[in-house]
PDB file of N, CA and C in Angstrom:
ATOM      1  N   UNK A   1     117.772  12.756  84.326  1.00  0.00           N
ATOM      2  CA  UNK A   1     117.699  13.255  85.676  1.00  0.00           C
ATOM      3  C   UNK A   1     116.875  14.531  85.805  1.00  0.00           C
ATOM      4  N   UNK A   2     116.817  15.338  84.728  1.00  0.00           N
ATOM      5  CA  UNK A   2     116.084  16.599  84.812  1.00  0.00           C
ATOM      6  C   UNK A   2     114.579  16.382  84.750  1.00  0.00           C
ATOM      7  N   UNK A   3     114.147  15.150  84.579  1.00  0.00           N
ATOM      8  CA  UNK A   3     112.714  14.860  84.564  1.00  0.00           C
ATOM      9  C   UNK A   3     112.231  14.364  85.915  1.00  0.00           C
ATOM     10  N   UNK A   4     113.062  14.547  86.937  1.00  0.00           N
ATOM     11  CA  UNK A   4     112.661  14.121  88.277  1.00  0.00           C
ATOM     12  C   UNK A   4     112.499  15.330  89.192  1.00  0.00           C
ATOM     13  N   UNK A   5     111.567  15.196  90.130  1.00  0.00           N
ATOM     14  CA  UNK A   5     111.349  16.209  91.164  1.00  0.00           C
ATOM     15  C   UNK A   5     111.182  15.446  92.472  1.00  0.00           C
ATOM     16  N   UNK A   6     112.055  15.725  93.420  1.00  0.00           N
ATOM     17  CA  UNK A   6     112.058  15.018  94.702  1.00  0.00           C
ATOM     18  C   UNK A   6     112.177  13.505  94.502  1.00  0.00           C
ATOM     19  N   UNK A   7     113.003  13.110  93.531  1.00  0.00           N
ATOM     20  CA  UNK A   7     113.290  11.707  93.291  1.00  0.00           C
ATOM     21  C   UNK A   7     112.249  10.938  92.500  1.00  0.00           C
ATOM     22  N   UNK A   8     111.189  11.600  92.056  1.00  0.00           N
ATOM     23  CA  UNK A   8     110.127  10.933  91.298  1.00  0.00           C
ATOM     24  C   UNK A   8     109.935  11.643  89.966  1.00  0.00           C
ATOM     25  N   UNK A   9     109.283  10.961  88.997  1.00  0.00           N
ATOM     26  CA  UNK A   9     108.999  11.661  87.734  1.00  0.00           C
ATOM     27  C   UNK A   9     108.268  12.976  88.007  1.00  0.00           C
ATOM     28  N   UNK A  10     108.694  14.031  87.341  1.00  0.00           N
ATOM     29  CA  UNK A  10     108.196  15.386  87.599  1.00  0.00           C
ATOM     30  C   UNK A  10     106.878  15.661  86.899  1.00  0.00           C
ATOM     31  N   UNK A  11     105.934  14.735  87.022  1.00  0.00           N
ATOM     32  CA  UNK A  11     104.614  14.951  86.416  1.00  0.00           C
ATOM     33  C   UNK A  11     103.901  16.070  87.167  1.00  0.00           C
ATOM     34  N   UNK A  12     103.018  16.784  86.485  1.00  0.00           N
ATOM     35  CA  UNK A  12     102.294  17.867  87.163  1.00  0.00           C
ATOM     36  C   UNK A  12     101.407  17.335  88.284  1.00  0.00           C
ATOM     37  N   UNK A  13     101.263  18.141  89.330  1.00  0.00           N
ATOM     38  CA  UNK A  13     100.375  17.798  90.436  1.00  0.00           C
ATOM     39  C   UNK A  13      98.985  18.344  90.178  1.00  0.00           C
ATOM     40  N   UNK A  14      97.981  17.604  90.572  1.00  0.00           N
ATOM     41  CA  UNK A  14      96.597  18.023  90.364  1.00  0.00           C
ATOM     42  C   UNK A  14      96.188  19.043  91.423  1.00  0.00           C
ATOM     43  N   UNK A  15      95.626  20.162  90.962  1.00  0.00           N
ATOM     44  CA  UNK A  15      95.113  21.205  91.841  1.00  0.00           C
ATOM     45  C   UNK A  15      93.606  21.342  91.624  1.00  0.00           C
ATOM     46  N   UNK A  16      92.996  22.247  92.345  1.00  0.00           N
ATOM     47  CA  UNK A  16      91.549  22.487  92.256  1.00  0.00           C
ATOM     48  C   UNK A  16      91.148  22.953  90.857  1.00  0.00           C
ATOM     49  N   UNK A  17      89.891  22.675  90.515  1.00  0.00           N
ATOM     50  CA  UNK A  17      89.261  23.144  89.271  1.00  0.00           C
ATOM     51  C   UNK A  17      90.038  22.768  88.010  1.00  0.00           C
ATOM     52  N   UNK A  18      90.749  21.645  88.063  1.00  0.00           N
ATOM     53  CA  UNK A  18      91.465  21.165  86.884  1.00  0.00           C
ATOM     54  C   UNK A  18      92.809  21.805  86.632  1.00  0.00           C
ATOM     55  N   UNK A  19      93.253  22.699  87.508  1.00  0.00           N
ATOM     56  CA  UNK A  19      94.576  23.290  87.348  1.00  0.00           C
ATOM     57  C   UNK A  19      95.640  22.257  87.682  1.00  0.00           C
ATOM     58  N   UNK A  20      96.816  22.441  87.107  1.00  0.00           N
ATOM     59  CA  UNK A  20      97.943  21.557  87.360  1.00  0.00           C
ATOM     60  C   UNK A  20      99.107  22.368  87.895  1.00  0.00           C
ATOM     61  N   UNK A  21      99.860  21.779  88.815  1.00  0.00           N
ATOM     62  CA  UNK A  21     101.055  22.412  89.375  1.00  0.00           C
ATOM     63  C   UNK A  21     102.266  21.848  88.655  1.00  0.00           C
ATOM     64  N   UNK A  22     102.969  22.687  87.933  1.00  0.00           N
ATOM     65  CA  UNK A  22     104.148  22.272  87.183  1.00  0.00           C
ATOM     66  C   UNK A  22     105.263  21.875  88.132  1.00  0.00           C
ATOM     67  N   UNK A  23     105.859  20.737  87.898  1.00  0.00           N
ATOM     68  CA  UNK A  23     106.999  20.271  88.684  1.00  0.00           C
ATOM     69  C   UNK A  23     108.233  20.117  87.812  1.00  0.00           C
ATOM     70  N   UNK A  24     108.184  20.703  86.642  1.00  0.00           N
ATOM     71  CA  UNK A  24     109.258  20.527  85.678  1.00  0.00           C
ATOM     72  C   UNK A  24     109.919  21.841  85.278  1.00  0.00           C
ATOM     73  N   UNK A  25     109.165  22.937  85.236  1.00  0.00           N
ATOM     74  CA  UNK A  25     109.709  24.214  84.778  1.00  0.00           C
ATOM     75  C   UNK A  25     109.361  24.470  83.329  1.00  0.00           C
ATOM     76  N   UNK A  26     108.114  24.279  82.970  1.00  0.00           N
ATOM     77  CA  UNK A  26     107.685  24.481  81.588  1.00  0.00           C
ATOM     78  C   UNK A  26     107.463  25.954  81.292  1.00  0.00           C
ATOM     79  N   UNK A  27     107.280  26.247  80.023  1.00  0.00           N
ATOM     80  CA  UNK A  27     106.931  27.596  79.587  1.00  0.00           C
ATOM     81  C   UNK A  27     105.617  27.513  78.816  1.00  0.00           C
ATOM     82  N   UNK A  28     105.133  28.639  78.360  1.00  0.00           N
ATOM     83  CA  UNK A  28     103.904  28.658  77.562  1.00  0.00           C
ATOM     84  C   UNK A  28     104.092  27.958  76.222  1.00  0.00           C
ATOM     85  N   UNK A  29     105.318  27.656  75.838  1.00  0.00           N
ATOM     86  CA  UNK A  29     105.612  26.976  74.576  1.00  0.00           C
ATOM     87  C   UNK A  29     105.703  25.461  74.720  1.00  0.00           C
ATOM     88  N   UNK A  30     105.167  24.914  75.796  1.00  0.00           N
ATOM     89  CA  UNK A  30     105.218  23.477  76.043  1.00  0.00           C
ATOM     90  C   UNK A  30     104.369  22.716  75.020  1.00  0.00           C
ATOM     91  N   UNK A  31     104.737  21.475  74.752  1.00  0.00           N
ATOM     92  CA  UNK A  31     103.949  20.578  73.899  1.00  0.00           C
ATOM     93  C   UNK A  31     103.809  19.245  74.633  1.00  0.00           C
ATOM     94  N   UNK A  32     102.750  18.528  74.340  1.00  0.00           N
ATOM     95  CA  UNK A  32     102.555  17.194  74.921  1.00  0.00           C
ATOM     96  C   UNK A  32     103.058  16.152  73.941  1.00  0.00           C
ATOM     97  N   UNK A  33     103.757  15.150  74.481  1.00  0.00           N
ATOM     98  CA  UNK A  33     104.302  14.069  73.667  1.00  0.00           C
ATOM     99  C   UNK A  33     103.502  12.787  73.865  1.00  0.00           C
ATOM    100  N   UNK A  34     103.707  11.848  72.969  1.00  0.00           N
ATOM    101  CA  UNK A  34     103.014  10.558  73.034  1.00  0.00           C
ATOM    102  C   UNK A  34     103.743   9.555  73.913  1.00  0.00           C
ATOM    103  N   UNK A  35     104.677  10.010  74.722  1.00  0.00           N
ATOM    104  CA  UNK A  35     105.478   9.141  75.575  1.00  0.00           C
ATOM    105  C   UNK A  35     105.374   9.632  77.017  1.00  0.00           C
ATOM    106  N   UNK A  36     105.323   8.718  77.957  1.00  0.00           N
ATOM    107  CA  UNK A  36     105.242   9.099  79.367  1.00  0.00           C
ATOM    108  C   UNK A  36     106.629   9.490  79.892  1.00  0.00           C
ATOM    109  N   UNK A  37     106.646  10.160  81.031  1.00  0.00           N
ATOM    110  CA  UNK A  37     107.923  10.499  81.661  1.00  0.00           C
ATOM    111  C   UNK A  37     108.726   9.230  81.950  1.00  0.00           C
ATOM    112  N   UNK A  38     108.049   8.191  82.456  1.00  0.00           N
ATOM    113  CA  UNK A  38     108.726   6.944  82.802  1.00  0.00           C
ATOM    114  C   UNK A  38     109.358   6.302  81.572  1.00  0.00           C
ATOM    115  N   UNK A  39     108.600   6.267  80.465  1.00  0.00           N
ATOM    116  CA  UNK A  39     109.138   5.683  79.234  1.00  0.00           C
ATOM    117  C   UNK A  39     110.284   6.526  78.682  1.00  0.00           C
ATOM    118  N   UNK A  40     110.157   7.836  78.777  1.00  0.00           N
ATOM    119  CA  UNK A  40     111.229   8.728  78.311  1.00  0.00           C
ATOM    120  C   UNK A  40     112.503   8.481  79.116  1.00  0.00           C
ATOM    121  N   UNK A  41     112.360   8.389  80.443  1.00  0.00           N
ATOM    122  CA  UNK A  41     113.531   8.181  81.299  1.00  0.00           C
ATOM    123  C   UNK A  41     114.166   6.815  81.071  1.00  0.00           C
ATOM    124  N   UNK A  42     113.423   5.859  80.537  1.00  0.00           N
ATOM    125  CA  UNK A  42     113.945   4.516  80.291  1.00  0.00           C
ATOM    126  C   UNK A  42     114.658   4.399  78.939  1.00  0.00           C
ATOM    127  N   UNK A  43     114.566   5.436  78.105  1.00  0.00           N
ATOM    128  CA  UNK A  43     115.236   5.384  76.807  1.00  0.00           C
ATOM    129  C   UNK A  43     116.746   5.288  77.003  1.00  0.00           C
ATOM    130  N   UNK A  44     117.433   4.551  76.150  1.00  0.00           N
ATOM    131  CA  UNK A  44     118.884   4.411  76.292  1.00  0.00           C
ATOM    132  C   UNK A  44     119.652   5.692  75.977  1.00  0.00           C
ATOM    133  N   UNK A  45     119.047   6.580  75.173  1.00  0.00           N
ATOM    134  CA  UNK A  45     119.679   7.866  74.872  1.00  0.00           C
ATOM    135  C   UNK A  45     118.596   8.911  74.608  1.00  0.00           C
ATOM    136  N   UNK A  46     118.985  10.151  74.732  1.00  0.00           N
ATOM    137  CA  UNK A  46     118.047  11.251  74.505  1.00  0.00           C
ATOM    138  C   UNK A  46     117.627  11.277  73.042  1.00  0.00           C
ATOM    139  N   UNK A  47     116.322  11.359  72.771  1.00  0.00           N
ATOM    140  CA  UNK A  47     115.862  11.414  71.376  1.00  0.00           C
ATOM    141  C   UNK A  47     116.357  12.680  70.683  1.00  0.00           C
ATOM    142  N   UNK A  48     116.512  12.575  69.377  1.00  0.00           N
ATOM    143  CA  UNK A  48     116.891  13.746  68.578  1.00  0.00           C
ATOM    144  C   UNK A  48     115.698  14.695  68.510  1.00  0.00           C
ATOM    145  N   UNK A  49     115.942  15.899  68.054  1.00  0.00           N
ATOM    146  CA  UNK A  49     114.864  16.874  67.882  1.00  0.00           C
ATOM    147  C   UNK A  49     113.819  16.325  66.916  1.00  0.00           C
ATOM    148  N   UNK A  50     114.264  15.712  65.819  1.00  0.00           N
ATOM    149  CA  UNK A  50     113.315  15.134  64.853  1.00  0.00           C
ATOM    150  C   UNK A  50     112.467  14.048  65.502  1.00  0.00           C
ATOM    151  N   UNK A  51     113.087  13.181  66.301  1.00  0.00           N
ATOM    152  CA  UNK A  51     112.333  12.124  66.981  1.00  0.00           C
ATOM    153  C   UNK A  51     111.310  12.723  67.942  1.00  0.00           C
ATOM    154  N   UNK A  52     111.720  13.752  68.683  1.00  0.00           N
ATOM    155  CA  UNK A  52     110.792  14.407  69.605  1.00  0.00           C
ATOM    156  C   UNK A  52     109.632  15.045  68.854  1.00  0.00           C
ATOM    157  N   UNK A  53     109.919  15.696  67.740  1.00  0.00           N
ATOM    158  CA  UNK A  53     108.862  16.350  66.965  1.00  0.00           C
ATOM    159  C   UNK A  53     107.834  15.339  66.451  1.00  0.00           C
ATOM    160  N   UNK A  54     108.277  14.123  66.149  1.00  0.00           N
ATOM    161  CA  UNK A  54     107.347  13.085  65.704  1.00  0.00           C
ATOM    162  C   UNK A  54     106.495  12.552  66.859  1.00  0.00           C
ATOM    163  N   UNK A  55     106.911  12.803  68.098  1.00  0.00           N
ATOM    164  CA  UNK A  55     106.159  12.357  69.273  1.00  0.00           C
ATOM    165  C   UNK A  55     105.121  13.387  69.727  1.00  0.00           C
ATOM    166  N   UNK A  56     105.153  14.583  69.162  1.00  0.00           N
ATOM    167  CA  UNK A  56     104.230  15.641  69.588  1.00  0.00           C
ATOM    168  C   UNK A  56     102.796  15.257  69.227  1.00  0.00           C
ATOM    169  N   UNK A  57     101.921  15.286  70.248  1.00  0.00           N
ATOM    170  CA  UNK A  57     100.502  15.012  70.006  1.00  0.00           C
ATOM    171  C   UNK A  57      99.629  16.244  70.244  1.00  0.00           C
ATOM    172  N   UNK A  58     100.189  17.256  70.915  1.00  0.00           N
ATOM    173  CA  UNK A  58      99.448  18.509  71.121  1.00  0.00           C
ATOM    174  C   UNK A  58     100.467  19.642  71.219  1.00  0.00           C
ATOM    175  N   UNK A  59     100.466  20.519  70.210  1.00  0.00           N
ATOM    176  CA  UNK A  59     101.417  21.628  70.157  1.00  0.00           C
ATOM    177  C   UNK A  59     101.003  22.809  71.030  1.00  0.00           C
ATOM    178  N   UNK A  60      99.762  22.840  71.474  1.00  0.00           N
ATOM    179  CA  UNK A  60      99.262  23.967  72.265  1.00  0.00           C
ATOM    180  C   UNK A  60      98.297  23.446  73.344  1.00  0.00           C
ATOM    181  N   UNK A  61      98.811  22.720  74.342  1.00  0.00           N
ATOM    182  CA  UNK A  61      97.934  22.043  75.293  1.00  0.00           C
ATOM    183  C   UNK A  61      97.382  22.919  76.421  1.00  0.00           C
ATOM    184  N   UNK A  62      97.913  24.108  76.605  1.00  0.00           N
ATOM    185  CA  UNK A  62      97.520  24.930  77.749  1.00  0.00           C
ATOM    186  C   UNK A  62      96.352  25.854  77.417  1.00  0.00           C
ATOM    187  N   UNK A  63      95.403  25.922  78.321  1.00  0.00           N
ATOM    188  CA  UNK A  63      94.298  26.870  78.185  1.00  0.00           C
ATOM    189  C   UNK A  63      94.707  28.199  78.796  1.00  0.00           C
ATOM    190  N   UNK A  64      95.287  28.140  79.972  1.00  0.00           N
ATOM    191  CA  UNK A  64      95.847  29.316  80.629  1.00  0.00           C
ATOM    192  C   UNK A  64      96.994  28.867  81.508  1.00  0.00           C
ATOM    193  N   UNK A  65      97.887  29.814  81.837  1.00  0.00           N
ATOM    194  CA  UNK A  65      99.073  29.504  82.625  1.00  0.00           C
ATOM    195  C   UNK A  65      99.423  30.728  83.457  1.00  0.00           C
ATOM    196  N   UNK A  66      99.771  30.484  84.714  1.00  0.00           N
ATOM    197  CA  UNK A  66     100.126  31.558  85.621  1.00  0.00           C
ATOM    198  C   UNK A  66     101.460  31.279  86.287  1.00  0.00           C
ATOM    199  N   UNK A  67     102.224  32.319  86.527  1.00  0.00           N
ATOM    200  CA  UNK A  67     103.409  32.231  87.369  1.00  0.00           C
ATOM    201  C   UNK A  67     102.962  32.601  88.773  1.00  0.00           C
ATOM    202  N   UNK A  68     103.109  31.674  89.701  1.00  0.00           N
ATOM    203  CA  UNK A  68     102.593  31.855  91.065  1.00  0.00           C
ATOM    204  C   UNK A  68     103.684  32.152  92.072  1.00  0.00           C
ATOM    205  N   UNK A  69     104.847  32.553  91.606  1.00  0.00           N
ATOM    206  CA  UNK A  69     105.930  32.877  92.518  1.00  0.00           C
ATOM    207  C   UNK A  69     106.781  31.670  92.847  1.00  0.00           C
ATOM    208  N   UNK A  70     107.550  31.813  93.896  1.00  0.00           N
ATOM    209  CA  UNK A  70     108.469  30.757  94.318  1.00  0.00           C
ATOM    210  C   UNK A  70     107.782  29.794  95.282  1.00  0.00           C
ATOM    211  N   UNK A  71     108.121  28.539  95.172  1.00  0.00           N
ATOM    212  CA  UNK A  71     107.541  27.519  96.046  1.00  0.00           C
ATOM    213  C   UNK A  71     107.780  27.834  97.518  1.00  0.00           C
ATOM    214  N   UNK A  72     108.917  28.425  97.832  1.00  0.00           N
ATOM    215  CA  UNK A  72     109.274  28.711  99.215  1.00  0.00           C
ATOM    216  C   UNK A  72     108.343  29.720  99.878  1.00  0.00           C
ATOM    217  N   UNK A  73     107.599  30.485  99.103  1.00  0.00           N
ATOM    218  CA  UNK A  73     106.727  31.496  99.688  1.00  0.00           C
ATOM    219  C   UNK A  73     105.455  30.893 100.271  1.00  0.00           C
ATOM    220  N   UNK A  74     105.219  29.618  99.987  1.00  0.00           N
ATOM    221  CA  UNK A  74     104.004  28.963 100.462  1.00  0.00           C
ATOM    222  C   UNK A  74     104.307  28.060 101.650  1.00  0.00           C
ATOM    223  N   UNK A  75     103.379  28.038 102.611  1.00  0.00           N
ATOM    224  CA  UNK A  75     103.501  27.113 103.742  1.00  0.00           C
ATOM    225  C   UNK A  75     103.283  25.694 103.241  1.00  0.00           C
ATOM    226  N   UNK A  76     102.207  25.494 102.505  1.00  0.00           N
ATOM    227  CA  UNK A  76     101.886  24.228 101.842  1.00  0.00           C
ATOM    228  C   UNK A  76     101.398  24.608 100.457  1.00  0.00           C
ATOM    229  N   UNK A  77     102.268  24.474  99.472  1.00  0.00           N
ATOM    230  CA  UNK A  77     101.967  25.023  98.143  1.00  0.00           C
ATOM    231  C   UNK A  77     100.660  24.487  97.552  1.00  0.00           C
ATOM    232  N   UNK A  78     100.376  23.212  97.698  1.00  0.00           N
ATOM    233  CA  UNK A  78      99.147  22.655  97.123  1.00  0.00           C
ATOM    234  C   UNK A  78      97.921  23.235  97.817  1.00  0.00           C
ATOM    235  N   UNK A  79      97.903  23.207  99.144  1.00  0.00           N
ATOM    236  CA  UNK A  79      96.755  23.747  99.883  1.00  0.00           C
ATOM    237  C   UNK A  79      96.591  25.246  99.642  1.00  0.00           C
ATOM    238  N   UNK A  80      97.705  25.971  99.667  1.00  0.00           N
ATOM    239  CA  UNK A  80      97.648  27.422  99.484  1.00  0.00           C
ATOM    240  C   UNK A  80      97.173  27.790  98.074  1.00  0.00           C
ATOM    241  N   UNK A  81      97.693  27.106  97.064  1.00  0.00           N
ATOM    242  CA  UNK A  81      97.268  27.389  95.696  1.00  0.00           C
ATOM    243  C   UNK A  81      95.816  26.983  95.468  1.00  0.00           C
ATOM    244  N   UNK A  82      95.408  25.843  96.034  1.00  0.00           N
ATOM    245  CA  UNK A  82      94.010  25.433  95.906  1.00  0.00           C
ATOM    246  C   UNK A  82      93.073  26.469  96.520  1.00  0.00           C
ATOM    247  N   UNK A  83      93.453  27.028  97.650  1.00  0.00           N
ATOM    248  CA  UNK A  83      92.620  28.060  98.291  1.00  0.00           C
ATOM    249  C   UNK A  83      92.477  29.269  97.366  1.00  0.00           C
ATOM    250  N   UNK A  84      93.572  29.695  96.758  1.00  0.00           N
ATOM    251  CA  UNK A  84      93.525  30.837  95.840  1.00  0.00           C
ATOM    252  C   UNK A  84      92.699  30.521  94.596  1.00  0.00           C
ATOM    253  N   UNK A  85      92.848  29.308  94.079  1.00  0.00           N
ATOM    254  CA  UNK A  85      92.070  28.902  92.904  1.00  0.00           C
ATOM    255  C   UNK A  85      90.582  28.877  93.252  1.00  0.00           C
ATOM    256  N   UNK A  86      90.236  28.297  94.389  1.00  0.00           N
ATOM    257  CA  UNK A  86      88.823  28.195  94.786  1.00  0.00           C
ATOM    258  C   UNK A  86      88.197  29.555  95.051  1.00  0.00           C
ATOM    259  N   UNK A  87      89.020  30.528  95.415  1.00  0.00           N
ATOM    260  CA  UNK A  87      88.534  31.896  95.636  1.00  0.00           C
ATOM    261  C   UNK A  87      88.590  32.723  94.346  1.00  0.00           C
ATOM    262  N   UNK A  88      89.054  32.120  93.253  1.00  0.00           N
ATOM    263  CA  UNK A  88      89.276  32.834  91.989  1.00  0.00           C
ATOM    264  C   UNK A  88      90.137  34.075  92.205  1.00  0.00           C
ATOM    265  N   UNK A  89      91.159  33.920  93.034  1.00  0.00           N
ATOM    266  CA  UNK A  89      92.041  35.029  93.391  1.00  0.00           C
ATOM    267  C   UNK A  89      93.369  34.892  92.652  1.00  0.00           C
ATOM    268  N   UNK A  90      93.401  35.381  91.420  1.00  0.00           N
ATOM    269  CA  UNK A  90      94.596  35.292  90.594  1.00  0.00           C
ATOM    270  C   UNK A  90      95.312  36.636  90.466  1.00  0.00           C
ATOM    271  N   UNK A  91      94.863  37.642  91.205  1.00  0.00           N
ATOM    272  CA  UNK A  91      95.397  38.997  91.062  1.00  0.00           C
ATOM    273  C   UNK A  91      96.902  39.085  91.290  1.00  0.00           C
ATOM    274  N   UNK A  92      97.419  38.306  92.242  1.00  0.00           N
ATOM    275  CA  UNK A  92      98.839  38.409  92.557  1.00  0.00           C
ATOM    276  C   UNK A  92      99.725  37.609  91.593  1.00  0.00           C
ATOM    277  N   UNK A  93      99.114  36.850  90.695  1.00  0.00           N
ATOM    278  CA  UNK A  93      99.869  36.024  89.766  1.00  0.00           C
ATOM    279  C   UNK A  93     100.050  36.716  88.429  1.00  0.00           C
ATOM    280  N   UNK A  94     101.090  36.335  87.730  1.00  0.00           N
ATOM    281  CA  UNK A  94     101.345  36.840  86.384  1.00  0.00           C
ATOM    282  C   UNK A  94     100.779  35.838  85.393  1.00  0.00           C
ATOM    283  N   UNK A  95      99.852  36.275  84.569  1.00  0.00           N
ATOM    284  CA  UNK A  95      99.302  35.385  83.549  1.00  0.00           C
ATOM    285  C   UNK A  95     100.292  35.272  82.397  1.00  0.00           C
ATOM    286  N   UNK A  96     100.691  34.052  82.096  1.00  0.00           N
ATOM    287  CA  UNK A  96     101.660  33.799  81.024  1.00  0.00           C
ATOM    288  C   UNK A  96     100.980  33.374  79.728  1.00  0.00           C
ATOM    289  N   UNK A  97      99.750  32.912  79.854  1.00  0.00           N
ATOM    290  CA  UNK A  97      98.991  32.516  78.666  1.00  0.00           C
ATOM    291  C   UNK A  97      97.526  32.694  78.980  1.00  0.00           C
TER     292      UNK A  97
END
């Protein structure tokens, strides 16, 4: 259930210039796995730590990461964030990576 956002798999949303909007709550220590959210949610039980570690395909997938505040502060988070990205206006954000 924690892999869902608004009733759908919490995959990142595509933003301008290749940025992604996190819908899961990741940190700079995120890794990419060889399994999709849908396949993960269909598993009969949660994989062990060892099983998850064997699924890792990229231990350091992020080029940069920013904390952009709370979703509620935006009228339309995708449009508002895209405008800031297109203006290269990252001053108000906290760079996490």
